[in-house]
Amino acid sequence: MDGVTAEVETALAQAFREEWGQVVATLIRITGDWDLAEECAQDAFALALRHWPRDGIPRRPGAWLTTAAHRRAIDRLRREAVGQAKLREVAAMVQPPRPGGGGDDSGVPDDRLRLMFTCCHPALALEAQVALTLRTLAGLTTAEIARALLVGEQTMSKRLTRAKQKIRYARIPYRVPPAHLLPERTPAVLSVLYLLFNEGYSATAGADLLRRELSSEAIRLARILAWLMPDEPEAVGLLSLMLLHDARRETRMNEAGDLVTLEEQDRARWDGAGIAEGTALLDGALRRGRPGQFQVQAAIAACHATATDAADTDWAQIAALYGRLASLAPSPVVELNRAVAVGMADGPAAGLEIVDALAASGALTGYHLLAASRADLLRRLGRRAEAADAYREALRLAATDTERRYLSRRLAETAANS
């Protein structure tokens, strides 16, 4: 990018993180067209890349981007000769109001969270709500969402297209729901925050394993949601889960940027305050007697976070908790995690039996952690040639540079001893 200074690059990256969802949401509300809104937002960022190095970074980047996208939408609508009434409606809004900037009766005090509740319309299937919100507001790519939900990119693209079409044809309004309708949308919003945190805590692709801005934003929004819904134990459980995982963030990679496994992490560097807050929140949520998937996952994270060392980890309890999680939210990934826990509690042969059954089912075909887990169990059983083959498969499927380096080291160690 010739002529683009580091200052402009930083400002654009920050604007994308903070303003993308707001700009897109404004245009959706005005035009009613999700694809047009995304395309015009992309055009606005492209214009910023050309104008900001020459004219300077605007004092309010979000307002600049919203205005540029708004003008682009007017141009597109005019060229495409859509109904004049719609064009007049859009053109009249020279400075579009920020969604949620005025009064509404949702009671949600944060713009980004309001927009999430707006996107998670119950007329759409839960997975469509989650995918559409991640795409529209979080700015995740279709490929990133597909990997997070363990489906093919083409499949996810079709699902997003169908969801947008349903919104258009059914004339589903894009507006913040009133407070009494928030509970029916809460499960989807919790899922969005969970996947947003996961993408930040363990990225699905790219050079870096961690995307701190995503996990930090997810924690911020989860705090607001837990404050807004103190009687919803799953909201509190999700915040607990995030805090317990985030407490280990600084030890997950070494200074060279290489992955450090849980058993090798320096526990003295874990965030004690974060662990204490996370466990206190979990205790409060569990006392309500309505356990859910996020509370159970938080309980698993607490088992790890409160163990004095790796050898002190209560793997039998963790395996039992994964069994409980499987009854609440069955999925092949949960079963894979249970297999790892069983392998630690009852020996690698017991874990391998579950992993091999999963592999035979085809439910996790193409998932690198299935191959990596199988490789680790085989290595512990002394079946090093098979383990090396499994590490090679995991290496071929891994999508982040950090994980590829870790798997390459494991492969080299295993191959050297086979």
Protein backbone atom coordinates (compact mmCIF):
# COMPACT_ATOMS: atom_id res chain seq x y z
CA MET A 1 0.00 0.00 0.00
CA ASP A 2 2.23 2.81 -1.31
CA GLY A 3 1.79 6.11 0.53
CA VAL A 4 -0.13 4.55 3.42
CA THR A 5 1.60 5.33 6.71
CA ALA A 6 1.64 3.07 9.74
CA GLU A 7 -0.53 5.66 11.50
CA VAL A 8 -3.21 5.40 8.81
CA GLU A 9 -3.02 1.59 8.81
CA THR A 10 -3.49 1.57 12.59
CA ALA A 11 -6.40 4.03 12.40
CA LEU A 12 -8.10 1.97 9.70
CA ALA A 13 -7.66 -1.26 11.62
CA GLN A 14 -9.11 0.35 14.75
CA ALA A 15 -11.98 1.84 12.76
CA PHE A 16 -12.78 -1.55 11.28
CA ARG A 17 -12.89 -3.16 14.72
CA GLU A 18 -14.99 -0.41 16.27
CA GLU A 19 -17.13 0.91 13.43
CA TRP A 20 -17.73 -1.85 10.85
CA GLY A 21 -20.83 -3.24 12.52
CA GLN A 22 -22.23 0.22 13.16
CA VAL A 23 -21.76 1.37 9.55
CA VAL A 24 -23.28 -1.80 8.11
CA ALA A 25 -26.20 -1.72 10.54
CA THR A 26 -26.98 1.89 9.67
CA LEU A 27 -27.13 1.10 5.96
CA ILE A 28 -29.22 -2.04 6.50
CA ARG A 29 -31.73 -0.04 8.48
CA ILE A 30 -31.93 2.64 5.79
CA THR A 31 -31.88 0.50 2.64
CA GLY A 32 -33.20 -2.84 3.89
CA ASP A 33 -30.54 -4.56 1.75
CA TRP A 34 -27.86 -6.54 3.60
CA ASP A 35 -25.63 -7.17 0.59
CA LEU A 36 -25.75 -3.52 -0.50
CA ALA A 37 -24.92 -2.42 3.04
CA GLU A 38 -21.84 -4.68 3.24
CA GLU A 39 -20.62 -3.68 -0.22
CA CYS A 40 -20.99 0.05 0.49
CA ALA A 41 -19.21 -0.33 3.84
CA GLN A 42 -16.34 -2.07 2.06
CA ASP A 43 -16.26 0.77 -0.48
CA ALA A 44 -16.10 3.32 2.35
CA PHE A 45 -13.02 1.65 3.84
CA ALA A 46 -11.42 1.51 0.39
CA LEU A 47 -12.07 5.25 0.01
CA ALA A 48 -10.51 5.88 3.41
CA LEU A 49 -7.41 4.06 2.26
CA ARG A 50 -7.10 6.57 -0.58
CA HIS A 51 -8.19 9.77 1.18
CA TRP A 52 -6.78 9.55 4.71
CA PRO A 53 -3.09 9.45 3.67
CA ARG A 54 -3.70 12.64 1.67
CA ASP A 55 -6.25 14.50 3.82
CA GLY A 56 -5.35 13.21 7.26
CA ILE A 57 -7.20 10.93 9.65
CA PRO A 58 -10.61 12.45 10.45
CA ARG A 59 -11.43 13.41 14.01
CA ARG A 60 -14.43 11.05 13.95
CA PRO A 61 -13.49 8.12 11.69
CA GLY A 62 -16.82 6.38 12.23
CA ALA A 63 -18.82 9.39 11.08
CA TRP A 64 -16.55 9.78 8.02
CA LEU A 65 -17.00 6.12 7.08
CA THR A 66 -20.76 6.18 7.65
CA THR A 67 -21.15 9.27 5.46
CA ALA A 68 -18.96 7.78 2.71
CA ALA A 69 -20.90 4.51 2.78
CA HIS A 70 -24.20 6.40 2.80
CA ARG A 71 -23.21 8.39 -0.30
CA ARG A 72 -22.07 5.22 -2.01
CA ALA A 73 -25.46 3.64 -1.29
CA ILE A 74 -27.23 6.63 -2.87
CA ASP A 75 -25.05 6.31 -5.99
CA ARG A 76 -25.73 2.57 -6.25
CA LEU A 77 -29.47 2.99 -5.81
CA ARG A 78 -29.56 5.77 -8.40
CA ARG A 79 -27.60 3.72 -10.95
CA GLU A 80 -29.75 0.68 -10.40
CA ALA A 81 -32.91 2.78 -10.83
CA VAL A 82 -34.68 1.41 -7.81
CA GLY A 83 -37.94 2.94 -6.59
CA GLN A 84 -37.74 6.69 -6.28
CA ALA A 85 -39.43 6.60 -2.88
CA LYS A 86 -36.56 4.53 -1.45
CA LEU A 87 -34.00 6.81 -3.06
CA ARG A 88 -35.64 9.91 -1.60
CA GLU A 89 -35.78 8.24 1.82
CA VAL A 90 -32.05 7.46 1.76
CA ALA A 91 -30.98 10.80 0.26
CA ALA A 92 -32.92 12.70 2.92
CA MET A 93 -30.69 11.25 5.62
CA VAL A 94 -27.56 13.31 4.99
CA GLN A 95 -26.13 12.31 8.36
CA PRO A 96 -27.73 8.97 9.26
CA PRO A 97 -28.40 8.57 12.99
CA ARG A 98 -26.44 5.89 14.76
CA PRO A 99 -28.64 2.85 15.43
CA GLY A 100 -29.58 2.87 19.09
CA GLY A 101 -28.31 6.42 19.35
CA GLY A 102 -31.82 7.65 20.07
CA GLY A 103 -34.19 6.34 22.65
CA ASP A 104 -35.55 2.82 22.44
CA ASP A 105 -37.36 0.57 24.86
CA SER A 106 -34.89 -2.34 24.77
CA GLY A 107 -33.07 -1.28 27.93
CA VAL A 108 -29.75 -2.41 26.36
CA PRO A 109 -27.15 0.31 27.09
CA ASP A 110 -24.58 -0.59 24.43
CA ASP A 111 -24.86 0.07 20.69
CA ARG A 112 -23.05 -3.08 19.59
CA LEU A 113 -25.10 -5.31 21.89
CA ARG A 114 -28.33 -3.69 20.71
CA LEU A 115 -27.34 -4.47 17.15
CA MET A 116 -26.69 -8.10 18.05
CA PHE A 117 -30.17 -8.43 19.50
CA THR A 118 -31.48 -6.78 16.33
CA CYS A 119 -29.71 -9.28 14.04
CA CYS A 120 -30.79 -12.32 16.09
CA HIS A 121 -34.36 -12.37 14.80
CA PRO A 122 -36.33 -15.47 15.90
CA ALA A 123 -37.83 -15.87 12.42
CA LEU A 124 -34.41 -17.22 11.36
CA ALA A 125 -32.92 -20.55 12.41
CA LEU A 126 -30.52 -20.20 15.37
CA GLU A 127 -27.44 -21.02 13.29
CA ALA A 128 -28.49 -18.46 10.66
CA GLN A 129 -28.92 -15.80 13.36
CA VAL A 130 -25.45 -16.52 14.72
CA ALA A 131 -23.76 -16.63 11.31
CA LEU A 132 -25.45 -13.47 10.05
CA THR A 133 -24.56 -11.53 13.19
CA LEU A 134 -20.92 -12.63 13.09
CA ARG A 135 -20.72 -11.65 9.41
CA THR A 136 -22.54 -8.35 9.71
CA LEU A 137 -21.46 -6.92 13.04
CA ALA A 138 -18.19 -8.66 13.92
CA GLY A 139 -16.82 -8.46 10.39
CA LEU A 140 -15.73 -12.11 10.37
CA THR A 141 -15.31 -13.55 6.90
CA THR A 142 -17.54 -16.29 5.57
CA ALA A 143 -14.56 -18.66 5.75
CA GLU A 144 -13.91 -17.81 9.43
CA ILE A 145 -17.57 -18.35 10.33
CA ALA A 146 -17.62 -21.63 8.41
CA ARG A 147 -14.57 -22.91 10.31
CA ALA A 148 -16.02 -21.78 13.63
CA LEU A 149 -19.26 -23.67 12.93
CA LEU A 150 -17.47 -26.64 11.32
CA VAL A 151 -19.16 -26.44 7.93
CA GLY A 152 -17.78 -25.88 4.44
CA GLU A 153 -17.28 -22.33 3.22
CA GLN A 154 -19.62 -22.86 0.26
CA THR A 155 -22.30 -24.27 2.58
CA MET A 156 -21.99 -21.28 4.89
CA SER A 157 -22.14 -18.86 1.96
CA LYS A 158 -25.42 -20.43 0.84
CA ARG A 159 -26.85 -20.26 4.37
CA LEU A 160 -26.01 -16.58 4.66
CA THR A 161 -27.58 -15.90 1.27
CA ARG A 162 -30.77 -17.77 2.21
CA ALA A 163 -31.00 -15.89 5.52
CA LYS A 164 -30.70 -12.53 3.78
CA GLN A 165 -33.29 -13.58 1.21
CA LYS A 166 -35.72 -14.61 3.93
CA ILE A 167 -35.28 -11.25 5.62
CA ARG A 168 -35.93 -9.46 2.32
CA TYR A 169 -38.89 -11.52 1.12
CA ALA A 170 -40.59 -11.80 4.51
CA ARG A 171 -39.97 -8.09 5.15
CA ILE A 172 -38.47 -8.83 8.56
CA PRO A 173 -37.87 -5.41 10.14
CA TYR A 174 -34.37 -4.43 11.21
CA ARG A 175 -35.06 -2.81 14.56
CA VAL A 176 -34.10 -3.21 18.19
CA PRO A 177 -36.62 -5.43 20.00
CA PRO A 178 -38.34 -4.15 23.17
CA ALA A 179 -37.13 -5.45 26.52
CA HIS A 180 -39.82 -8.12 26.89
CA LEU A 181 -38.68 -9.77 23.62
CA LEU A 182 -34.98 -9.92 24.51
CA PRO A 183 -35.11 -13.35 26.25
CA GLU A 184 -36.14 -15.19 23.07
CA ARG A 185 -33.07 -13.76 21.33
CA THR A 186 -30.64 -14.28 24.20
CA PRO A 187 -29.46 -17.82 23.25
CA ALA A 188 -28.35 -16.59 19.82
CA VAL A 189 -26.60 -13.54 21.28
CA LEU A 190 -24.78 -15.76 23.79
CA SER A 191 -23.65 -18.01 20.94
CA VAL A 192 -22.41 -15.01 18.96
CA LEU A 193 -20.38 -13.73 21.92
CA TYR A 194 -18.99 -17.22 22.58
CA LEU A 195 -17.83 -17.67 18.98
CA LEU A 196 -16.48 -14.13 18.86
CA PHE A 197 -14.41 -14.83 21.98
CA ASN A 198 -13.21 -18.15 20.57
CA GLU A 199 -12.07 -16.54 17.33
CA GLY A 200 -10.04 -14.08 19.39
CA TYR A 201 -8.74 -16.65 21.86
CA SER A 202 -7.84 -19.29 19.27
CA ALA A 203 -8.09 -17.97 15.72
CA THR A 204 -9.31 -20.38 13.06
CA ALA A 205 -6.78 -19.20 10.47
CA GLY A 206 -3.94 -16.77 9.82
CA ALA A 207 -0.50 -15.98 11.12
CA ASP A 208 -1.53 -15.43 14.75
CA LEU A 209 -3.24 -17.75 17.21
CA LEU A 210 -4.59 -14.84 19.29
CA ARG A 211 -6.76 -11.94 18.08
CA ARG A 212 -6.90 -9.99 21.30
CA GLU A 213 -9.27 -7.29 20.10
CA LEU A 214 -12.00 -9.86 19.40
CA SER A 215 -11.75 -11.66 22.75
CA SER A 216 -11.56 -8.37 24.66
CA GLU A 217 -14.65 -7.05 22.90
CA ALA A 218 -16.52 -10.29 23.60
CA ILE A 219 -15.67 -10.03 27.31
CA ARG A 220 -16.78 -6.39 27.40
CA LEU A 221 -20.14 -7.24 25.83
CA ALA A 222 -20.57 -10.33 28.03
CA ARG A 223 -20.07 -8.15 31.11
CA ILE A 224 -22.83 -5.82 29.95
CA LEU A 225 -25.15 -8.72 29.18
CA ALA A 226 -24.52 -10.36 32.58
CA TRP A 227 -25.23 -7.01 34.26
CA LEU A 228 -28.37 -6.57 32.15
CA MET A 229 -29.62 -10.11 32.87
CA PRO A 230 -28.35 -11.04 36.36
CA ASP A 231 -31.09 -13.67 36.70
CA GLU A 232 -29.99 -15.45 33.50
CA PRO A 233 -27.38 -17.98 34.71
CA GLU A 234 -26.17 -18.78 31.20
CA ALA A 235 -25.20 -15.15 30.61
CA VAL A 236 -23.23 -15.17 33.86
CA GLY A 237 -21.81 -18.60 33.03
CA LEU A 238 -20.56 -17.36 29.67
CA LEU A 239 -18.78 -14.41 31.28
CA SER A 240 -17.22 -16.80 33.81
CA LEU A 241 -16.04 -19.09 31.00
CA MET A 242 -14.43 -16.20 29.12
CA LEU A 243 -12.65 -14.86 32.20
CA LEU A 244 -11.29 -18.26 33.19
CA HIS A 245 -9.90 -18.87 29.71
CA ASP A 246 -8.61 -15.33 29.33
CA ALA A 247 -6.73 -15.65 32.62
CA ARG A 248 -4.31 -18.01 30.83
CA ARG A 249 -3.94 -15.93 27.68
CA GLU A 250 -0.47 -14.49 28.36
CA THR A 251 1.04 -17.95 28.85
CA ARG A 252 -0.40 -19.64 25.76
CA MET A 253 2.51 -18.52 23.56
CA ASN A 254 6.17 -17.97 24.30
CA GLU A 255 8.28 -14.98 23.29
CA ALA A 256 8.96 -16.58 19.90
CA GLY A 257 5.22 -16.80 19.23
CA ASP A 258 5.09 -20.58 19.58
CA LEU A 259 2.22 -22.45 21.22
CA VAL A 260 2.70 -23.52 24.85
CA THR A 261 0.47 -26.42 25.89
CA LEU A 262 -1.64 -26.24 29.03
CA GLU A 263 0.57 -28.67 30.95
CA GLU A 264 3.68 -26.63 30.10
CA GLN A 265 2.29 -23.18 30.95
CA ASP A 266 3.75 -21.17 33.83
CA ARG A 267 0.79 -21.12 36.22
CA ALA A 268 2.40 -18.43 38.35
CA ARG A 269 1.76 -16.05 35.44
CA TRP A 270 -1.94 -16.82 35.22
CA ASP A 271 -4.25 -13.94 36.14
CA GLY A 272 -5.29 -14.77 39.70
CA ALA A 273 -7.84 -11.95 39.86
CA GLY A 274 -9.49 -13.15 36.66
CA ILE A 275 -9.65 -16.72 37.97
CA ALA A 276 -11.14 -15.56 41.28
CA GLU A 277 -13.78 -13.46 39.52
CA GLY A 278 -14.59 -16.25 37.08
CA THR A 279 -15.03 -18.89 39.79
CA ALA A 280 -17.15 -16.54 41.93
CA LEU A 281 -19.43 -15.81 38.98
CA LEU A 282 -19.71 -19.53 38.25
CA ASP A 283 -20.63 -20.32 41.85
CA GLY A 284 -23.37 -17.70 41.74
CA ALA A 285 -24.75 -19.00 38.45
CA LEU A 286 -24.78 -22.63 39.58
CA ARG A 287 -26.67 -21.75 42.77
CA ARG A 288 -29.66 -20.87 40.61
CA GLY A 289 -30.08 -24.55 39.80
CA ARG A 290 -30.51 -24.10 36.04
CA PRO A 291 -27.30 -25.51 34.56
CA GLY A 292 -26.62 -24.87 30.90
CA GLN A 293 -23.84 -25.48 28.44
CA PHE A 294 -21.86 -22.33 29.25
CA GLN A 295 -21.97 -22.99 32.99
CA VAL A 296 -20.71 -26.55 32.42
CA GLN A 297 -17.92 -25.31 30.16
CA ALA A 298 -17.00 -22.74 32.80
CA ALA A 299 -16.86 -25.55 35.39
CA ILE A 300 -14.43 -27.42 33.13
CA ALA A 301 -12.31 -24.29 32.75
CA ALA A 302 -12.36 -23.84 36.54
CA CYS A 303 -11.00 -27.38 37.02
CA HIS A 304 -7.99 -26.40 34.91
CA ALA A 305 -7.59 -22.90 36.35
CA THR A 306 -7.64 -23.97 40.00
CA ALA A 307 -5.30 -26.97 39.69
CA THR A 308 -1.99 -26.15 41.39
CA ASP A 309 -0.07 -27.97 38.65
CA ALA A 310 -0.78 -30.18 35.65
CA ALA A 311 -0.50 -33.37 37.71
CA ASP A 312 -3.14 -32.05 40.14
CA THR A 313 -5.79 -31.68 37.40
CA ASP A 314 -8.97 -33.63 38.19
CA TRP A 315 -9.36 -35.33 34.82
CA ALA A 316 -12.07 -37.69 36.06
CA GLN A 317 -14.21 -34.70 37.02
CA ILE A 318 -13.49 -33.04 33.68
CA ALA A 319 -14.49 -36.19 31.79
CA ALA A 320 -17.74 -36.35 33.79
CA LEU A 321 -18.45 -32.69 33.03
CA TYR A 322 -17.93 -33.28 29.32
CA GLY A 323 -20.44 -36.12 29.59
CA ARG A 324 -22.90 -33.65 31.14
CA LEU A 325 -22.13 -31.12 28.40
CA ALA A 326 -22.82 -33.75 25.75
CA SER A 327 -26.33 -34.18 27.15
CA LEU A 328 -26.97 -30.42 27.13
CA ALA A 329 -25.35 -29.51 23.81
CA PRO A 330 -24.36 -32.65 21.90
CA SER A 331 -21.75 -32.15 19.23
CA PRO A 332 -18.79 -34.07 17.81
CA VAL A 333 -16.39 -31.44 19.18
CA VAL A 334 -17.71 -31.99 22.70
CA GLU A 335 -17.24 -35.74 22.19
CA LEU A 336 -13.67 -35.15 21.03
CA ASN A 337 -12.93 -33.10 24.14
CA ARG A 338 -14.48 -35.84 26.26
CA ALA A 339 -12.19 -38.35 24.55
CA VAL A 340 -9.13 -36.31 25.50
CA ALA A 341 -10.31 -36.08 29.11
CA VAL A 342 -11.07 -39.80 29.24
CA GLY A 343 -7.61 -40.45 27.80
CA MET A 344 -6.09 -38.50 30.66
CA ALA A 345 -8.32 -40.02 33.35
CA ASP A 346 -8.48 -43.66 32.23
CA GLY A 347 -5.47 -43.98 29.94
CA PRO A 348 -4.79 -43.26 26.25
CA ALA A 349 -6.34 -46.52 25.03
CA ALA A 350 -9.74 -45.51 26.42
CA GLY A 351 -9.49 -42.10 24.80
CA LEU A 352 -8.33 -43.52 21.48
CA GLU A 353 -11.37 -45.79 21.33
CA ILE A 354 -13.66 -42.74 21.41
CA VAL A 355 -11.52 -40.82 18.92
CA ASP A 356 -11.48 -43.71 16.45
CA ALA A 357 -15.28 -43.98 16.68
CA LEU A 358 -15.53 -40.27 15.92
CA ALA A 359 -13.18 -40.61 12.96
CA ALA A 360 -15.21 -43.55 11.62
CA SER A 361 -18.42 -41.50 11.86
CA GLY A 362 -17.04 -38.83 9.53
CA ALA A 363 -18.53 -36.10 11.71
CA LEU A 364 -15.20 -34.26 12.07
CA THR A 365 -13.66 -34.94 8.66
CA GLY A 366 -11.16 -32.18 7.90
CA TYR A 367 -10.93 -31.02 11.53
CA HIS A 368 -7.26 -30.77 12.43
CA LEU A 369 -7.79 -31.24 16.17
CA LEU A 370 -9.26 -34.70 15.58
CA ALA A 371 -6.05 -35.79 13.89
CA ALA A 372 -3.91 -33.96 16.48
CA SER A 373 -5.74 -35.60 19.39
CA ARG A 374 -5.42 -39.01 17.79
CA ALA A 375 -1.70 -38.41 17.22
CA ASP A 376 -1.15 -37.50 20.87
CA LEU A 377 -2.98 -40.59 22.12
CA LEU A 378 -1.03 -42.85 19.75
CA ARG A 379 2.24 -41.25 20.85
CA ARG A 380 1.42 -41.90 24.50
CA LEU A 381 0.66 -45.53 23.61
CA GLY A 382 4.09 -45.87 22.00
CA ARG A 383 2.63 -46.35 18.50
CA ARG A 384 4.96 -43.72 17.08
CA ALA A 385 4.78 -44.54 13.37
CA GLU A 386 0.99 -44.20 13.44
CA ALA A 387 1.30 -41.10 15.57
CA ALA A 388 3.64 -39.52 13.01
CA ASP A 389 1.12 -40.16 10.25
CA ALA A 390 -1.62 -38.56 12.34
CA TYR A 391 0.57 -35.52 13.05
CA ARG A 392 1.18 -35.16 9.31
CA GLU A 393 -2.55 -35.17 8.70
CA ALA A 394 -3.13 -32.57 11.43
CA LEU A 395 -0.34 -30.43 10.00
CA ARG A 396 -1.94 -30.56 6.56
CA LEU A 397 -5.30 -29.42 7.99
CA ALA A 398 -4.14 -26.77 10.51
CA ALA A 399 -4.98 -23.21 9.46
CA THR A 400 -2.81 -21.04 11.75
CA ASP A 401 0.95 -20.66 11.55
CA THR A 402 1.26 -21.05 15.32
CA GLU A 403 -0.46 -24.44 15.31
CA ARG A 404 1.51 -25.59 12.26
CA ARG A 405 4.80 -24.82 14.02
CA TYR A 406 3.67 -26.74 17.12
CA LEU A 407 2.57 -29.77 15.09
CA SER A 408 5.81 -29.69 13.10
CA ARG A 409 7.79 -29.90 16.34
CA ARG A 410 5.66 -32.77 17.59
CA LEU A 411 6.06 -34.59 14.28
CA ALA A 412 9.84 -34.15 14.33
CA GLU A 413 10.04 -35.47 17.91
CA THR A 414 7.82 -38.45 17.17
CA ALA A 415 9.50 -39.34 13.87
CA ALA A 416 12.94 -39.15 15.49
CA ASN A 417 11.94 -41.72 18.11
CA SER A 418 9.97 -44.09 15.86
